Amino acid sequence: MNRQRQFLILLSTLLVAGVSLAVLSASGQEQSAAEVVVNLAAGRVDVCVAKGTLFVATTDENVEPGSHPPEMEALGIGRVGVLLGAVEWISPGTGNPTVRLDAELDHAAQQMGPVDNNGNAGQEATDVENFGIALLEQVRAVTKNIHHKLDLDPDDPLVELVLADYLDGYGFEVWLLKYRIQQVALGNDYYDTRVLRPAYVQLYPPEKGQPRTLIEVRYPSEIQGPSLLELLKQNDPRLQKVRESSSRIFEATGHLLEGESPKARPDDIGQFLREALSVVHAPGTRMAIAELNDSKEFVWLVQPTEPRPTAAPADAGAPSLLKH
């Protein structure tokens, strides 16, 4: 029986971070099984800041049938986000619309407007927090009816968001937001499931004195294999061939190895990422590469192959990201 068919049995099975999850819902005094299909966005996100430009590259990992590549979106003017984890929630046969967390996050960005803090970094921290809470509301909305024990490690997030932006008077920032769950047993194998407030981890800029180079985020964490930076440090022959194809690329990758990526020319870093990701990943790997420059312009270098998700209409019954 394939994975999609397994989802549609009486007690649906959700594959999240390689762990099987059974989902039950309750109505009044009676408990009834709910069919829920959750599709993951799984893979790697590579981030690099060159001279005046931030690059974000995604590659997928086929962890289960129906999984998506990491979902990258321009989130208004001056921001870019990548969503990982349980991004697509489907309730077959209920008439309820499919919930795509990435599309809802994009909708929230349109309402929040562009990054504009007049150089006040404190306001940008609030902006990141606003995104964090907006996504929290949506994740809580789709998990509120989970009342069966989930075999998920407390440290494993259900959803992750890589959020990057350019701040006037400050520069580029990259944050990782992690959404974990907590379950409380209420008796008779019935659990209350709560999505915790996100944990905020600043990935860039690093602490003073730490290298500024390629950053990688992977979901689920069990994905094996070295990062692009590790391959570069190991003089991987595939990357050596890319480096030696151009004196400019050789110079740019030298800055990466020295921890001084902001000195590298953006065109050379962009070219390196395109060629490097193509040679280190298997044929057919879905990838996307985009740049955000210090003029707050978002540009695709390699567009995603999947169609862009759209949010359900407000009157379709889908939960809203923002409180009104």
C-alpha atoms as a PDB file:
ATOM      1  CA  MET A   1       0.000   0.000   0.000  1.00  0.00           C
ATOM      2  CA  ASN A   2       1.511   3.352  -0.969  1.00  0.00           C
ATOM      3  CA  ARG A   3       1.852   6.270   1.424  1.00  0.00           C
ATOM      4  CA  GLN A   4      -1.054   8.293   0.032  1.00  0.00           C
ATOM      5  CA  ARG A   5      -3.451   5.381   0.454  1.00  0.00           C
ATOM      6  CA  GLN A   6      -2.210   4.791   3.984  1.00  0.00           C
ATOM      7  CA  PHE A   7      -3.233   8.352   4.789  1.00  0.00           C
ATOM      8  CA  LEU A   8      -6.856   7.566   3.954  1.00  0.00           C
ATOM      9  CA  ILE A   9      -7.441   4.685   6.362  1.00  0.00           C
ATOM     10  CA  LEU A  10      -9.672   5.233   9.398  1.00  0.00           C
ATOM     11  CA  LEU A  11      -6.858   6.472  11.599  1.00  0.00           C
ATOM     12  CA  SER A  12      -4.766   8.487   9.167  1.00  0.00           C
ATOM     13  CA  THR A  13      -0.998   8.237   9.421  1.00  0.00           C
ATOM     14  CA  LEU A  14       1.034  11.410   9.152  1.00  0.00           C
ATOM     15  CA  LEU A  15       4.703  11.224   8.274  1.00  0.00           C
ATOM     16  CA  VAL A  16       6.377  14.184   9.951  1.00  0.00           C
ATOM     17  CA  ALA A  17      10.176  14.298  10.250  1.00  0.00           C
ATOM     18  CA  GLY A  18      10.277  10.555   9.596  1.00  0.00           C
ATOM     19  CA  VAL A  19       7.895   9.750  12.494  1.00  0.00           C
ATOM     20  CA  SER A  20       4.409   8.266  12.089  1.00  0.00           C
ATOM     21  CA  LEU A  21       1.662  10.305  13.731  1.00  0.00           C
ATOM     22  CA  ALA A  22      -1.949   9.180  14.278  1.00  0.00           C
ATOM     23  CA  VAL A  23      -4.631  11.869  14.458  1.00  0.00           C
ATOM     24  CA  LEU A  24      -8.018  11.748  16.223  1.00  0.00           C
ATOM     25  CA  SER A  25     -10.679  14.396  16.617  1.00  0.00           C
ATOM     26  CA  ALA A  26     -13.471  14.611  19.215  1.00  0.00           C
ATOM     27  CA  SER A  27     -17.062  15.829  18.832  1.00  0.00           C
ATOM     28  CA  GLY A  28     -19.129  16.242  21.996  1.00  0.00           C
ATOM     29  CA  GLN A  29     -18.935  13.069  24.112  1.00  0.00           C
ATOM     30  CA  GLU A  30     -18.040  10.872  21.151  1.00  0.00           C
ATOM     31  CA  GLN A  31     -14.628  10.510  19.561  1.00  0.00           C
ATOM     32  CA  SER A  32     -14.450  10.071  15.803  1.00  0.00           C
ATOM     33  CA  ALA A  33     -11.512   9.413  13.561  1.00  0.00           C
ATOM     34  CA  ALA A  34     -10.505  12.250  11.243  1.00  0.00           C
ATOM     35  CA  GLU A  35      -8.793  11.743   7.935  1.00  0.00           C
ATOM     36  CA  VAL A  36      -5.973  14.232   7.568  1.00  0.00           C
ATOM     37  CA  VAL A  37      -3.200  14.324   5.009  1.00  0.00           C
ATOM     38  CA  VAL A  38      -0.125  16.360   5.814  1.00  0.00           C
ATOM     39  CA  ASN A  39       2.486  16.960   3.142  1.00  0.00           C
ATOM     40  CA  LEU A  40       5.935  18.153   4.114  1.00  0.00           C
ATOM     41  CA  ALA A  41       8.273  20.710   2.641  1.00  0.00           C
ATOM     42  CA  ALA A  42      11.613  18.986   3.138  1.00  0.00           C
ATOM     43  CA  GLY A  43      15.161  19.659   2.081  1.00  0.00           C
ATOM     44  CA  ARG A  44      18.013  22.119   2.504  1.00  0.00           C
ATOM     45  CA  VAL A  45      18.176  25.902   2.573  1.00  0.00           C
ATOM     46  CA  ASP A  46      21.530  27.553   1.849  1.00  0.00           C
ATOM     47  CA  VAL A  47      21.949  31.236   2.661  1.00  0.00           C
ATOM     48  CA  CYS A  48      24.898  33.454   1.781  1.00  0.00           C
ATOM     49  CA  VAL A  49      25.506  37.208   2.054  1.00  0.00           C
ATOM     50  CA  ALA A  50      27.764  38.661  -0.644  1.00  0.00           C
ATOM     51  CA  LYS A  51      28.562  42.327  -1.331  1.00  0.00           C
ATOM     52  CA  GLY A  52      25.196  44.115  -1.106  1.00  0.00           C
ATOM     53  CA  THR A  53      23.218  40.953  -1.852  1.00  0.00           C
ATOM     54  CA  LEU A  54      21.742  38.050   0.094  1.00  0.00           C
ATOM     55  CA  PHE A  55      21.277  34.709  -1.671  1.00  0.00           C
ATOM     56  CA  VAL A  56      18.822  31.987  -0.683  1.00  0.00           C
ATOM     57  CA  ALA A  57      18.962  28.582  -2.373  1.00  0.00           C
ATOM     58  CA  THR A  58      16.692  25.597  -1.733  1.00  0.00           C
ATOM     59  CA  THR A  59      16.973  21.935  -2.718  1.00  0.00           C
ATOM     60  CA  ASP A  60      14.425  19.236  -1.944  1.00  0.00           C
ATOM     61  CA  GLU A  61      14.727  15.849  -0.270  1.00  0.00           C
ATOM     62  CA  ASN A  62      12.147  13.225  -1.230  1.00  0.00           C
ATOM     63  CA  VAL A  63      11.385  12.079   2.327  1.00  0.00           C
ATOM     64  CA  GLU A  64       7.902  10.801   1.380  1.00  0.00           C
ATOM     65  CA  PRO A  65       5.588  10.654  -1.632  1.00  0.00           C
ATOM     66  CA  GLY A  66       3.863  13.988  -2.094  1.00  0.00           C
ATOM     67  CA  SER A  67       6.467  16.010  -0.249  1.00  0.00           C
ATOM     68  CA  HIS A  68       7.268  19.511  -1.486  1.00  0.00           C
ATOM     69  CA  PRO A  69      10.588  21.301  -1.820  1.00  0.00           C
ATOM     70  CA  PRO A  70      11.261  24.038   0.744  1.00  0.00           C
ATOM     71  CA  GLU A  71       8.722  26.769  -0.016  1.00  0.00           C
ATOM     72  CA  MET A  72      10.470  30.095  -0.770  1.00  0.00           C
ATOM     73  CA  GLU A  73       8.472  33.306  -1.077  1.00  0.00           C
ATOM     74  CA  ALA A  74       9.145  37.016  -1.373  1.00  0.00           C
ATOM     75  CA  LEU A  75       7.351  38.328   1.707  1.00  0.00           C
ATOM     76  CA  GLY A  76       6.652  41.897   0.731  1.00  0.00           C
ATOM     77  CA  ILE A  77       9.372  44.398  -0.086  1.00  0.00           C
ATOM     78  CA  GLY A  78      12.709  43.670   1.569  1.00  0.00           C
ATOM     79  CA  ARG A  79      11.947  40.194   2.940  1.00  0.00           C
ATOM     80  CA  VAL A  80      12.207  36.582   1.842  1.00  0.00           C
ATOM     81  CA  GLY A  81      10.993  33.512   3.702  1.00  0.00           C
ATOM     82  CA  VAL A  82      11.387  29.749   3.351  1.00  0.00           C
ATOM     83  CA  LEU A  83       8.878  27.459   5.033  1.00  0.00           C
ATOM     84  CA  LEU A  84       9.785  23.900   6.027  1.00  0.00           C
ATOM     85  CA  GLY A  85       7.919  21.067   7.678  1.00  0.00           C
ATOM     86  CA  ALA A  86       4.168  20.408   7.720  1.00  0.00           C
ATOM     87  CA  VAL A  87       3.089  23.036   5.170  1.00  0.00           C
ATOM     88  CA  GLU A  88       0.066  21.432   3.461  1.00  0.00           C
ATOM     89  CA  TRP A  89      -2.948  20.181   5.430  1.00  0.00           C
ATOM     90  CA  ILE A  90      -5.722  18.315   3.580  1.00  0.00           C
ATOM     91  CA  SER A  91      -9.008  16.953   4.981  1.00  0.00           C
ATOM     92  CA  PRO A  92     -10.313  14.559   2.292  1.00  0.00           C
ATOM     93  CA  GLY A  93     -14.074  14.301   1.921  1.00  0.00           C
ATOM     94  CA  THR A  94     -14.895  17.138   4.324  1.00  0.00           C
ATOM     95  CA  GLY A  95     -15.289  19.953   1.833  1.00  0.00           C
ATOM     96  CA  ASN A  96     -12.797  22.018   3.806  1.00  0.00           C
ATOM     97  CA  PRO A  97     -10.214  23.811   1.646  1.00  0.00           C
ATOM     98  CA  THR A  98      -6.608  22.691   1.685  1.00  0.00           C
ATOM     99  CA  VAL A  99      -4.549  24.876   4.007  1.00  0.00           C
ATOM    100  CA  ARG A 100      -1.171  25.953   2.639  1.00  0.00           C
ATOM    101  CA  LEU A 101       0.810  27.699   5.368  1.00  0.00           C
ATOM    102  CA  ASP A 102       3.203  29.256   2.853  1.00  0.00           C
ATOM    103  CA  ALA A 103       0.379  30.912   0.932  1.00  0.00           C
ATOM    104  CA  GLU A 104      -1.168  32.239   4.137  1.00  0.00           C
ATOM    105  CA  LEU A 105       2.196  33.636   5.221  1.00  0.00           C
ATOM    106  CA  ASP A 106       2.518  35.422   1.899  1.00  0.00           C
ATOM    107  CA  HIS A 107      -0.946  36.902   2.448  1.00  0.00           C
ATOM    108  CA  ALA A 108       0.141  38.161   5.874  1.00  0.00           C
ATOM    109  CA  ALA A 109       3.223  39.797   4.356  1.00  0.00           C
ATOM    110  CA  GLN A 110       1.067  41.735   1.918  1.00  0.00           C
ATOM    111  CA  GLN A 111      -0.940  43.136   4.809  1.00  0.00           C
ATOM    112  CA  MET A 112       2.158  44.038   6.849  1.00  0.00           C
ATOM    113  CA  GLY A 113       3.771  46.035   4.055  1.00  0.00           C
ATOM    114  CA  PRO A 114       7.474  46.605   3.300  1.00  0.00           C
ATOM    115  CA  VAL A 115      10.393  46.650   5.704  1.00  0.00           C
ATOM    116  CA  ASP A 116      10.725  50.304   6.698  1.00  0.00           C
ATOM    117  CA  ASN A 117      12.237  51.076  10.057  1.00  0.00           C
ATOM    118  CA  ASN A 118      14.385  54.132   9.287  1.00  0.00           C
ATOM    119  CA  GLY A 119      17.450  52.302  10.539  1.00  0.00           C
ATOM    120  CA  ASN A 120      15.930  51.278  13.886  1.00  0.00           C
ATOM    121  CA  ALA A 121      16.921  47.652  14.447  1.00  0.00           C
ATOM    122  CA  GLY A 122      14.557  47.351  17.397  1.00  0.00           C
ATOM    123  CA  GLN A 123      11.561  47.829  15.132  1.00  0.00           C
ATOM    124  CA  GLU A 124      12.803  45.072  12.829  1.00  0.00           C
ATOM    125  CA  ALA A 125      12.884  42.666  15.789  1.00  0.00           C
ATOM    126  CA  THR A 126       9.194  43.467  16.247  1.00  0.00           C
ATOM    127  CA  ASP A 127       8.617  42.773  12.542  1.00  0.00           C
ATOM    128  CA  VAL A 128      10.177  39.312  12.890  1.00  0.00           C
ATOM    129  CA  GLU A 129       8.067  38.656  15.968  1.00  0.00           C
ATOM    130  CA  ASN A 130       4.908  39.707  14.102  1.00  0.00           C
ATOM    131  CA  PHE A 131       5.649  37.111  11.439  1.00  0.00           C
ATOM    132  CA  GLY A 132       6.329  34.561  14.140  1.00  0.00           C
ATOM    133  CA  ILE A 133       2.988  35.125  15.857  1.00  0.00           C
ATOM    134  CA  ALA A 134       1.079  35.270  12.558  1.00  0.00           C
ATOM    135  CA  LEU A 135       2.396  31.841  11.572  1.00  0.00           C
ATOM    136  CA  LEU A 136       1.811  30.541  15.117  1.00  0.00           C
ATOM    137  CA  GLU A 137      -1.901  31.333  14.835  1.00  0.00           C
ATOM    138  CA  GLN A 138      -2.152  29.421  11.585  1.00  0.00           C
ATOM    139  CA  VAL A 139      -0.251  26.364  12.849  1.00  0.00           C
ATOM    140  CA  ARG A 140      -2.431  26.273  15.963  1.00  0.00           C
ATOM    141  CA  ALA A 141      -5.555  26.465  13.789  1.00  0.00           C
ATOM    142  CA  VAL A 142      -4.632  23.342  11.802  1.00  0.00           C
ATOM    143  CA  THR A 143      -3.441  21.299  14.818  1.00  0.00           C
ATOM    144  CA  LYS A 144      -6.223  22.109  17.312  1.00  0.00           C
ATOM    145  CA  ASN A 145      -8.075  18.834  16.632  1.00  0.00           C
ATOM    146  CA  ILE A 146      -5.094  16.549  17.151  1.00  0.00           C
ATOM    147  CA  HIS A 147      -5.886  14.571  20.304  1.00  0.00           C
ATOM    148  CA  HIS A 148      -3.846  11.405  19.774  1.00  0.00           C
ATOM    149  CA  LYS A 149      -0.296  10.963  21.058  1.00  0.00           C
ATOM    150  CA  LEU A 150       2.257  12.107  18.488  1.00  0.00           C
ATOM    151  CA  ASP A 151       5.551  10.243  18.491  1.00  0.00           C
ATOM    152  CA  LEU A 152       7.529  13.399  17.886  1.00  0.00           C
ATOM    153  CA  ASP A 153      10.634  14.327  19.853  1.00  0.00           C
ATOM    154  CA  PRO A 154      10.000  17.478  21.948  1.00  0.00           C
ATOM    155  CA  ASP A 155      12.993  19.149  20.298  1.00  0.00           C
ATOM    156  CA  ASP A 156      11.792  18.426  16.756  1.00  0.00           C
ATOM    157  CA  PRO A 157       9.774  21.308  15.286  1.00  0.00           C
ATOM    158  CA  LEU A 158       6.585  20.651  13.379  1.00  0.00           C
ATOM    159  CA  VAL A 159       7.243  23.719  11.207  1.00  0.00           C
ATOM    160  CA  GLU A 160      10.284  25.951  10.611  1.00  0.00           C
ATOM    161  CA  LEU A 161      10.552  29.352   8.957  1.00  0.00           C
ATOM    162  CA  VAL A 162      13.777  30.844   7.596  1.00  0.00           C
ATOM    163  CA  LEU A 163      13.139  34.607   7.472  1.00  0.00           C
ATOM    164  CA  ALA A 164      15.626  37.030   5.891  1.00  0.00           C
ATOM    165  CA  ASP A 165      15.436  40.776   5.313  1.00  0.00           C
ATOM    166  CA  TYR A 166      17.435  43.898   4.628  1.00  0.00           C
ATOM    167  CA  LEU A 167      17.411  46.601   7.292  1.00  0.00           C
ATOM    168  CA  ASP A 168      18.288  50.207   6.427  1.00  0.00           C
ATOM    169  CA  GLY A 169      21.299  51.340   8.405  1.00  0.00           C
ATOM    170  CA  TYR A 170      21.986  47.803   9.628  1.00  0.00           C
ATOM    171  CA  GLY A 171      22.202  45.317   6.769  1.00  0.00           C
ATOM    172  CA  PHE A 172      20.977  41.785   6.183  1.00  0.00           C
ATOM    173  CA  GLU A 173      19.454  39.620   8.895  1.00  0.00           C
ATOM    174  CA  VAL A 174      18.530  35.938   8.802  1.00  0.00           C
ATOM    175  CA  TRP A 175      16.370  34.281  11.466  1.00  0.00           C
ATOM    176  CA  LEU A 176      15.225  30.702  12.032  1.00  0.00           C
ATOM    177  CA  LEU A 177      11.832  30.320  13.708  1.00  0.00           C
ATOM    178  CA  LYS A 178      11.034  26.881  15.160  1.00  0.00           C
ATOM    179  CA  TYR A 179       7.520  25.749  16.058  1.00  0.00           C
ATOM    180  CA  ARG A 180       7.430  22.851  18.508  1.00  0.00           C
ATOM    181  CA  ILE A 181       4.440  21.118  20.054  1.00  0.00           C
ATOM    182  CA  GLN A 182       3.542  20.123  23.619  1.00  0.00           C
ATOM    183  CA  GLN A 183       1.004  17.444  24.518  1.00  0.00           C
ATOM    184  CA  VAL A 184      -0.781  16.892  27.833  1.00  0.00           C
ATOM    185  CA  ALA A 185      -2.490  13.558  28.576  1.00  0.00           C
ATOM    186  CA  LEU A 186      -6.127  14.029  29.639  1.00  0.00           C
ATOM    187  CA  GLY A 187      -6.886  10.324  30.081  1.00  0.00           C
ATOM    188  CA  ASN A 188      -8.142   7.473  27.898  1.00  0.00           C
ATOM    189  CA  ASP A 189      -5.369   8.113  25.355  1.00  0.00           C
ATOM    190  CA  TYR A 190      -6.780  11.585  24.736  1.00  0.00           C
ATOM    191  CA  TYR A 191      -4.277  14.444  24.519  1.00  0.00           C
ATOM    192  CA  ASP A 192      -4.413  18.194  24.378  1.00  0.00           C
ATOM    193  CA  THR A 193      -2.014  19.379  21.656  1.00  0.00           C
ATOM    194  CA  ARG A 194      -0.533  22.854  21.879  1.00  0.00           C
ATOM    195  CA  VAL A 195       1.858  24.555  19.493  1.00  0.00           C
ATOM    196  CA  LEU A 196       4.378  26.529  21.528  1.00  0.00           C
ATOM    197  CA  ARG A 197       5.447  30.072  20.766  1.00  0.00           C
ATOM    198  CA  PRO A 198       8.291  29.992  18.245  1.00  0.00           C
ATOM    199  CA  ALA A 199      11.931  29.853  19.247  1.00  0.00           C
ATOM    200  CA  TYR A 200      13.885  32.613  17.464  1.00  0.00           C
ATOM    201  CA  VAL A 201      17.462  31.837  16.403  1.00  0.00           C
ATOM    202  CA  GLN A 202      19.495  34.527  14.636  1.00  0.00           C
ATOM    203  CA  LEU A 203      21.635  32.936  11.933  1.00  0.00           C
ATOM    204  CA  TYR A 204      23.054  36.125  10.443  1.00  0.00           C
ATOM    205  CA  PRO A 205      24.913  38.293  11.203  1.00  0.00           C
ATOM    206  CA  PRO A 206      26.975  35.975  13.406  1.00  0.00           C
ATOM    207  CA  GLU A 207      28.603  36.942  16.671  1.00  0.00           C
ATOM    208  CA  LYS A 208      31.562  39.288  16.389  1.00  0.00           C
ATOM    209  CA  GLY A 209      34.650  37.434  15.200  1.00  0.00           C
ATOM    210  CA  GLN A 210      32.691  34.481  13.785  1.00  0.00           C
ATOM    211  CA  PRO A 211      32.961  33.621  10.052  1.00  0.00           C
ATOM    212  CA  ARG A 212      30.497  35.089   7.586  1.00  0.00           C
ATOM    213  CA  THR A 213      29.968  32.382   5.030  1.00  0.00           C
ATOM    214  CA  LEU A 214      27.455  29.834   3.751  1.00  0.00           C
ATOM    215  CA  ILE A 215      24.695  28.876   6.207  1.00  0.00           C
ATOM    216  CA  GLU A 216      22.616  25.718   5.845  1.00  0.00           C
ATOM    217  CA  VAL A 217      19.278  24.769   7.401  1.00  0.00           C
ATOM    218  CA  ARG A 218      17.850  21.292   6.762  1.00  0.00           C
ATOM    219  CA  TYR A 219      14.468  19.741   7.500  1.00  0.00           C
ATOM    220  CA  PRO A 220      14.019  17.162   8.804  1.00  0.00           C
ATOM    221  CA  SER A 221      17.204  17.185  10.846  1.00  0.00           C
ATOM    222  CA  GLU A 222      17.819  13.515   9.974  1.00  0.00           C
ATOM    223  CA  ILE A 223      18.806  14.450   6.410  1.00  0.00           C
ATOM    224  CA  GLN A 224      22.265  13.001   5.904  1.00  0.00           C
ATOM    225  CA  GLY A 225      25.310  14.267   4.037  1.00  0.00           C
ATOM    226  CA  PRO A 226      27.714  17.186   4.272  1.00  0.00           C
ATOM    227  CA  SER A 227      26.649  20.772   3.694  1.00  0.00           C
ATOM    228  CA  LEU A 228      27.790  22.771   0.675  1.00  0.00           C
ATOM    229  CA  LEU A 229      30.326  24.598   2.842  1.00  0.00           C
ATOM    230  CA  GLU A 230      31.680  21.310   4.209  1.00  0.00           C
ATOM    231  CA  LEU A 231      32.094  19.974   0.679  1.00  0.00           C
ATOM    232  CA  LEU A 232      33.919  23.161  -0.251  1.00  0.00           C
ATOM    233  CA  LYS A 233      36.271  22.788   2.715  1.00  0.00           C
ATOM    234  CA  GLN A 234      36.896  19.146   1.819  1.00  0.00           C
ATOM    235  CA  ASN A 235      38.000  20.108  -1.692  1.00  0.00           C
ATOM    236  CA  ASP A 236      35.237  17.991  -3.172  1.00  0.00           C
ATOM    237  CA  PRO A 237      36.323  17.321  -6.789  1.00  0.00           C
ATOM    238  CA  ARG A 238      32.931  18.359  -8.176  1.00  0.00           C
ATOM    239  CA  LEU A 239      33.191  21.759  -6.502  1.00  0.00           C
ATOM    240  CA  GLN A 240      36.867  22.081  -7.352  1.00  0.00           C
ATOM    241  CA  LYS A 241      35.908  21.818 -11.009  1.00  0.00           C
ATOM    242  CA  VAL A 242      33.360  24.616 -10.543  1.00  0.00           C
ATOM    243  CA  ARG A 243      35.901  26.771  -8.683  1.00  0.00           C
ATOM    244  CA  GLU A 244      38.544  26.344 -11.351  1.00  0.00           C
ATOM    245  CA  SER A 245      36.158  27.145 -14.193  1.00  0.00           C
ATOM    246  CA  SER A 246      36.603  30.874 -13.572  1.00  0.00           C
ATOM    247  CA  SER A 247      39.131  33.050 -11.769  1.00  0.00           C
ATOM    248  CA  ARG A 248      36.266  35.169 -10.438  1.00  0.00           C
ATOM    249  CA  ILE A 249      34.424  32.156  -9.018  1.00  0.00           C
ATOM    250  CA  PHE A 250      37.704  30.940  -7.509  1.00  0.00           C
ATOM    251  CA  GLU A 251      38.138  34.310  -5.808  1.00  0.00           C
ATOM    252  CA  ALA A 252      34.523  34.381  -4.576  1.00  0.00           C
ATOM    253  CA  THR A 253      34.712  30.889  -3.090  1.00  0.00           C
ATOM    254  CA  GLY A 254      37.990  31.888  -1.465  1.00  0.00           C
ATOM    255  CA  HIS A 255      36.059  34.555   0.438  1.00  0.00           C
ATOM    256  CA  LEU A 256      33.574  31.875   1.522  1.00  0.00           C
ATOM    257  CA  LEU A 257      36.376  29.672   2.851  1.00  0.00           C
ATOM    258  CA  GLU A 258      37.948  32.632   4.643  1.00  0.00           C
ATOM    259  CA  GLY A 259      34.665  33.550   6.340  1.00  0.00           C
ATOM    260  CA  GLU A 260      34.469  36.879   4.498  1.00  0.00           C
ATOM    261  CA  SER A 261      31.554  36.318   2.127  1.00  0.00           C
ATOM    262  CA  PRO A 262      30.445  40.017   2.108  1.00  0.00           C
ATOM    263  CA  LYS A 263      33.637  40.762   0.144  1.00  0.00           C
ATOM    264  CA  ALA A 264      32.572  38.478  -2.716  1.00  0.00           C
ATOM    265  CA  ARG A 265      31.002  39.883  -5.862  1.00  0.00           C
ATOM    266  CA  PRO A 266      27.321  38.911  -6.000  1.00  0.00           C
ATOM    267  CA  ASP A 267      27.362  37.808  -9.647  1.00  0.00           C
ATOM    268  CA  ASP A 268      30.135  35.334  -8.871  1.00  0.00           C
ATOM    269  CA  ILE A 269      28.375  33.901  -5.808  1.00  0.00           C
ATOM    270  CA  GLY A 270      25.162  33.534  -7.795  1.00  0.00           C
ATOM    271  CA  GLN A 271      26.987  31.688 -10.572  1.00  0.00           C
ATOM    272  CA  PHE A 272      28.744  29.443  -8.060  1.00  0.00           C
ATOM    273  CA  LEU A 273      25.474  28.486  -6.366  1.00  0.00           C
ATOM    274  CA  ARG A 274      23.807  27.636  -9.663  1.00  0.00           C
ATOM    275  CA  GLU A 275      26.647  25.404 -10.796  1.00  0.00           C
ATOM    276  CA  ALA A 276      27.517  23.915  -7.405  1.00  0.00           C
ATOM    277  CA  LEU A 277      24.004  22.827  -6.488  1.00  0.00           C
ATOM    278  CA  SER A 278      23.569  21.249  -9.920  1.00  0.00           C
ATOM    279  CA  VAL A 279      26.647  19.053  -9.550  1.00  0.00           C
ATOM    280  CA  VAL A 280      26.353  17.973  -5.899  1.00  0.00           C
ATOM    281  CA  HIS A 281      22.679  16.951  -6.030  1.00  0.00           C
ATOM    282  CA  ALA A 282      21.115  14.088  -7.947  1.00  0.00           C
ATOM    283  CA  PRO A 283      19.484  14.729 -11.330  1.00  0.00           C
ATOM    284  CA  GLY A 284      15.851  15.715 -10.888  1.00  0.00           C
ATOM    285  CA  THR A 285      16.418  17.500  -7.581  1.00  0.00           C
ATOM    286  CA  ARG A 286      14.030  20.432  -7.362  1.00  0.00           C
ATOM    287  CA  MET A 287      15.853  23.635  -6.593  1.00  0.00           C
ATOM    288  CA  ALA A 288      15.316  27.372  -6.495  1.00  0.00           C
ATOM    289  CA  ILE A 289      17.720  30.286  -6.069  1.00  0.00           C
ATOM    290  CA  ALA A 290      16.827  33.905  -5.366  1.00  0.00           C
ATOM    291  CA  GLU A 291      18.594  37.077  -4.335  1.00  0.00           C
ATOM    292  CA  LEU A 292      17.579  40.021  -2.165  1.00  0.00           C
ATOM    293  CA  ASN A 293      19.740  43.094  -2.693  1.00  0.00           C
ATOM    294  CA  ASP A 294      20.343  46.153  -0.533  1.00  0.00           C
ATOM    295  CA  SER A 295      17.735  48.021  -2.595  1.00  0.00           C
ATOM    296  CA  LYS A 296      15.224  45.499  -1.204  1.00  0.00           C
ATOM    297  CA  GLU A 297      14.609  43.974  -4.640  1.00  0.00           C
ATOM    298  CA  PHE A 298      13.822  40.262  -4.840  1.00  0.00           C
ATOM    299  CA  VAL A 299      14.999  38.471  -8.014  1.00  0.00           C
ATOM    300  CA  TRP A 300      14.705  34.821  -9.029  1.00  0.00           C
ATOM    301  CA  LEU A 301      17.905  33.303 -10.417  1.00  0.00           C
ATOM    302  CA  VAL A 302      16.396  29.816 -10.655  1.00  0.00           C
ATOM    303  CA  GLN A 303      12.623  29.756 -10.377  1.00  0.00           C
ATOM    304  CA  PRO A 304      10.848  26.925  -8.536  1.00  0.00           C
ATOM    305  CA  THR A 305       9.318  24.258 -10.750  1.00  0.00           C
ATOM    306  CA  GLU A 306       6.168  23.813  -8.656  1.00  0.00           C
ATOM    307  CA  PRO A 307       3.242  26.212  -9.183  1.00  0.00           C
ATOM    308  CA  ARG A 308       3.018  28.984  -6.651  1.00  0.00           C
ATOM    309  CA  PRO A 309       0.457  28.157  -3.921  1.00  0.00           C
ATOM    310  CA  THR A 310      -2.473  30.476  -3.373  1.00  0.00           C
ATOM    311  CA  ALA A 311      -4.357  31.118  -0.172  1.00  0.00           C
ATOM    312  CA  ALA A 312      -7.986  30.052   0.101  1.00  0.00           C
ATOM    313  CA  PRO A 313     -10.525  32.881  -0.165  1.00  0.00           C
ATOM    314  CA  ALA A 314     -11.401  34.498   3.139  1.00  0.00           C
ATOM    315  CA  ASP A 315     -15.020  33.280   2.886  1.00  0.00           C
ATOM    316  CA  ALA A 316     -14.032  29.651   2.212  1.00  0.00           C
ATOM    317  CA  GLY A 317     -13.739  28.866   5.900  1.00  0.00           C
ATOM    318  CA  ALA A 318      -9.941  28.702   6.017  1.00  0.00           C
ATOM    319  CA  PRO A 319      -8.414  30.033   9.252  1.00  0.00           C
ATOM    320  CA  SER A 320      -6.827  33.462   8.949  1.00  0.00           C
ATOM    321  CA  LEU A 321      -3.236  34.261   9.862  1.00  0.00           C
ATOM    322  CA  LEU A 322      -4.068  37.674  11.245  1.00  0.00           C
ATOM    323  CA  LYS A 323      -6.545  38.731  13.899  1.00  0.00           C
ATOM    324  CA  HIS A 324      -9.024  41.310  12.687  1.00  0.00           C
END
